[in-house]
Protein backbone atom coordinates (compact mmCIF):
# COMPACT_ATOMS: atom_id res chain seq x y z
CA ASN A 1 72.92 -128.24 324.93
CA GLY A 2 76.43 -127.27 325.62
CA ILE A 3 75.67 -123.90 324.38
CA ALA A 4 72.86 -123.18 326.59
CA VAL A 5 74.65 -124.54 329.09
CA MET A 6 77.16 -122.22 328.37
CA LEU A 7 75.85 -118.91 327.98
CA ASP A 8 73.38 -119.75 331.51
CA SER A 9 76.59 -119.83 333.38
CA MET A 10 77.62 -116.63 332.26
CA ARG A 11 74.76 -115.46 333.57
CA ARG A 12 74.59 -116.83 336.43
CA PHE A 13 77.68 -115.95 337.90
CA SER A 14 78.15 -112.33 335.74
CA SER A 15 80.48 -111.13 338.51
CA ASP A 16 83.55 -114.16 337.89
CA GLU A 17 85.79 -111.59 335.94
CA VAL A 18 88.01 -115.12 334.12
CA LEU A 19 84.35 -117.48 333.31
CA GLN A 20 82.84 -114.43 331.71
CA ALA A 21 86.84 -114.13 329.80
CA MET A 22 86.70 -117.75 329.09
CA GLY A 23 82.86 -118.19 328.61
CA CYS A 24 83.81 -115.00 325.83
CA TRP A 25 87.04 -116.49 324.42
CA SER A 26 84.76 -119.71 323.95
CA LEU A 27 81.97 -117.44 322.46
CA VAL A 28 84.43 -116.25 319.57
CA ASN A 29 85.34 -120.11 318.64
CA ILE A 30 81.62 -121.64 318.28
CA ALA A 31 80.42 -118.48 316.45
CA LEU A 32 83.26 -120.05 313.73
CA ILE A 33 80.45 -123.18 312.44
CA GLN A 34 77.63 -121.76 311.03
CA THR A 35 74.71 -123.25 313.01
CA GLN A 36 76.80 -122.84 316.01
CA LYS A 37 76.36 -119.65 315.59
CA THR A 38 72.39 -119.46 314.73
CA MET A 39 72.08 -121.04 318.20
CA LEU A 40 74.01 -118.31 319.90
CA VAL A 41 72.44 -116.16 318.25
CA LYS A 42 68.70 -116.57 319.44
CA LEU A 43 69.90 -117.68 322.60
CA GLY A 44 70.86 -114.55 323.64
CA GLY A 45 74.26 -114.70 323.20
CA ILE A 46 74.91 -111.10 321.69
CA SER A 47 73.34 -110.11 325.12
CA VAL A 48 75.77 -112.11 327.53
CA ALA A 49 78.83 -110.92 326.02
CA ALA A 50 77.30 -107.47 326.45
CA ASN A 51 76.83 -107.59 329.37
CA ALA A 52 80.33 -108.95 330.59
CA MET A 53 81.98 -105.93 328.50
CA MET A 54 79.23 -103.98 331.05
CA LEU A 55 79.86 -105.58 334.13
CA HIS A 56 83.86 -105.79 333.69
CA PRO A 57 84.29 -102.63 331.89
CA TYR A 58 88.06 -102.58 333.14
CA ASN A 59 89.04 -106.05 333.10
CA ALA A 60 91.07 -105.55 329.63
CA GLU A 61 90.68 -109.99 328.92
CA VAL A 62 86.83 -109.83 329.32
CA GLN A 63 86.53 -106.84 326.95
CA PHE A 64 89.49 -107.87 324.22
CA ARG A 65 87.01 -110.72 324.49
CA ALA A 66 83.60 -109.73 324.42
CA LEU A 67 84.67 -107.57 321.37
CA PHE A 68 86.13 -110.20 319.24
CA ALA A 69 82.37 -112.63 320.42
CA LEU A 70 80.42 -110.03 318.98
CA ILE A 71 82.33 -109.43 316.03
CA ASN A 72 81.97 -112.93 315.12
CA LEU A 73 78.36 -113.39 315.53
CA VAL A 74 77.42 -110.07 314.02
CA ILE A 75 80.41 -111.07 310.33
CA PRO A 76 78.40 -112.83 307.37
CA SER A 77 77.06 -115.90 307.16
CA ASP A 78 78.20 -116.81 303.86
CA SER A 79 81.76 -116.26 305.37
CA LEU A 80 81.73 -118.87 307.99
CA PRO A 81 81.98 -123.13 307.00
CA GLU A 82 78.67 -125.10 307.72
CA ASP A 83 79.07 -127.91 310.22
CA SER A 84 81.94 -129.66 311.04
């Protein structure tokens, strides 16, 4: 599925700051749908976002977007829509 491909790309190209920033921004948006959020968590989205932050500590875009993604991944599910 597309989520698995995105997370795999973020893992494989972890040194690419632009890819990490854009991947984290994708996580932010994908996590807004409950079923997709669940899939992200199951496939390791939290560790992928945290890894991006650890590998790029001085890149403000990676830090901001990864933190935003982590927030969206851990907020209570009852505040999110199901599928659209």
